[in-house]
Amino acid sequence: MRKDSINEQINAELTGYFEHARRQKCPPSMKKSLYQRIGLSQQSMWVKPAMAFSFLALTVSGFVWHNHNQHQKLLQAEHDLQVAMHYMQKVSNKTLSGVNTHGIKPAIIVPLSKSMAKI
């Protein structure tokens, strides 16, 4: 039971200390040495966010351009398909009007039967 009260007392003291430390401002010399330790300088603080933003902007613009390009290709393919279907319809109508009523069979059967008769 005594252990629990000691742990609670330690936790309360540490919590109070950290809350007090959080309210205090860091001195500029300490901030500067901290930045030097982790390899950052205050002058280059804006470079990394700027690079990240520019990379994000380039990526988004690349996706937008790709989507627009794909949409243009799809529209061109639809147009080409419409032209091809129109052409096939015209060819089909012209061929049907030019075909005799007997169809293709007489043209194939007659030459085969003549060649068989010669044998």
Protein backbone atom coordinates (compact mmCIF):
# COMPACT_ATOMS: atom_id res chain seq x y z
CA MET A 1 0.00 0.00 0.00
CA ARG A 2 2.88 2.31 0.72
CA LYS A 3 4.34 1.50 -2.79
CA ASP A 4 1.17 2.75 -4.47
CA SER A 5 1.24 6.06 -2.65
CA ILE A 6 4.94 6.59 -3.50
CA ASN A 7 4.27 5.83 -7.20
CA GLU A 8 1.34 8.23 -7.20
CA GLN A 9 3.46 10.91 -5.54
CA ILE A 10 6.25 10.45 -8.10
CA ASN A 11 3.77 10.57 -10.98
CA ALA A 12 2.19 13.74 -9.60
CA GLU A 13 5.58 15.43 -9.18
CA LEU A 14 6.72 14.46 -12.69
CA THR A 15 3.43 15.60 -14.20
CA GLY A 16 3.73 18.94 -12.44
CA TYR A 17 7.35 19.33 -13.57
CA PHE A 18 6.57 18.59 -17.22
CA GLU A 19 3.55 20.89 -17.21
CA HIS A 20 5.74 23.67 -15.80
CA ALA A 21 8.50 22.95 -18.38
CA ARG A 22 5.97 22.97 -21.22
CA ARG A 23 4.88 26.51 -20.31
CA GLN A 24 8.46 27.81 -20.31
CA LYS A 25 9.95 29.19 -23.53
CA CYS A 26 13.14 27.62 -24.80
CA PRO A 27 16.10 30.04 -24.75
CA PRO A 28 17.38 30.94 -28.24
CA SER A 29 20.87 29.60 -27.55
CA MET A 30 19.45 26.24 -26.47
CA LYS A 31 17.18 26.16 -29.53
CA LYS A 32 20.13 26.93 -31.82
CA SER A 33 22.32 24.19 -30.30
CA LEU A 34 19.42 21.74 -30.49
CA TYR A 35 18.95 22.50 -34.19
CA GLN A 36 22.67 22.03 -34.78
CA ARG A 37 22.62 18.67 -33.00
CA ILE A 38 19.85 17.29 -35.16
CA GLY A 39 21.38 18.78 -38.31
CA LEU A 40 18.92 21.58 -39.04
CA SER A 41 19.48 25.26 -39.23
CA GLN A 42 16.70 27.79 -38.88
CA GLN A 43 17.51 29.18 -42.30
CA SER A 44 16.81 25.84 -44.00
CA MET A 45 13.61 25.18 -42.05
CA TRP A 46 11.46 26.33 -44.96
CA VAL A 47 13.31 24.29 -47.60
CA LYS A 48 11.92 20.87 -46.70
CA PRO A 49 8.26 21.93 -46.58
CA ALA A 50 8.74 23.85 -49.84
CA MET A 51 10.27 20.78 -51.49
CA ALA A 52 7.46 18.57 -50.20
CA PHE A 53 4.83 21.03 -51.46
CA SER A 54 6.47 21.33 -54.89
CA PHE A 55 6.72 17.53 -55.18
CA LEU A 56 3.04 17.23 -54.25
CA ALA A 57 2.09 19.93 -56.77
CA LEU A 58 4.06 18.23 -59.55
CA THR A 59 2.53 14.86 -58.75
CA VAL A 60 -1.01 16.21 -58.76
CA SER A 61 -0.46 18.11 -62.00
CA GLY A 62 1.00 14.95 -63.55
CA PHE A 63 -2.07 12.96 -62.58
CA VAL A 64 -4.38 15.67 -63.95
CA TRP A 65 -2.45 15.79 -67.24
CA HIS A 66 -2.47 11.99 -67.53
CA ASN A 67 -6.22 11.87 -66.87
CA HIS A 68 -6.84 14.59 -69.48
CA ASN A 69 -4.60 12.78 -71.98
CA GLN A 70 -6.43 9.48 -71.40
CA HIS A 71 -9.77 11.27 -71.86
CA GLN A 72 -8.57 12.74 -75.17
CA LYS A 73 -7.42 9.30 -76.36
CA LEU A 74 -10.78 7.82 -75.40
CA LEU A 75 -12.64 10.52 -77.35
CA GLN A 76 -10.41 9.93 -80.38
CA ALA A 77 -10.99 6.16 -80.18
CA GLU A 78 -14.77 6.70 -80.00
CA HIS A 79 -14.61 8.97 -83.05
CA ASP A 80 -12.53 6.44 -84.99
CA LEU A 81 -14.97 3.68 -84.08
CA GLN A 82 -17.91 5.77 -85.28
CA VAL A 83 -16.16 6.45 -88.60
CA ALA A 84 -15.33 2.75 -89.01
CA MET A 85 -18.90 1.67 -88.21
CA HIS A 86 -20.28 4.23 -90.70
CA TYR A 87 -17.86 2.99 -93.37
CA MET A 88 -18.76 -0.66 -92.69
CA GLN A 89 -22.46 0.20 -92.93
CA LYS A 90 -21.94 1.88 -96.33
CA VAL A 91 -19.84 -1.05 -97.62
CA SER A 92 -22.41 -3.55 -96.33
CA ASN A 93 -25.31 -1.73 -98.00
CA LYS A 94 -23.40 -1.41 -101.30
CA THR A 95 -22.40 -5.09 -101.27
CA LEU A 96 -25.92 -6.31 -100.53
CA SER A 97 -27.36 -4.25 -103.37
CA GLY A 98 -24.74 -5.57 -105.81
CA VAL A 99 -25.17 -9.26 -104.96
CA ASN A 100 -27.42 -11.40 -107.15
CA THR A 101 -30.44 -13.16 -105.65
CA HIS A 102 -28.83 -16.60 -105.87
CA GLY A 103 -26.04 -15.71 -103.45
CA ILE A 104 -22.50 -17.04 -103.61
CA LYS A 105 -23.27 -20.75 -104.02
CA PRO A 106 -23.88 -20.82 -107.77
CA ALA A 107 -20.57 -19.10 -108.43
CA ILE A 108 -18.70 -21.74 -106.42
CA ILE A 109 -20.65 -24.83 -107.45
CA VAL A 110 -20.59 -24.24 -111.22
CA PRO A 111 -16.79 -23.99 -111.56
CA LEU A 112 -16.30 -27.02 -109.31
CA SER A 113 -18.75 -29.13 -111.26
CA LYS A 114 -17.13 -28.13 -114.59
CA SER A 115 -13.69 -29.05 -113.32
CA MET A 116 -15.00 -32.39 -112.03
CA ALA A 117 -16.62 -33.09 -115.39
CA LYS A 118 -13.28 -32.60 -117.14
CA ILE A 119 -11.64 -35.23 -114.94
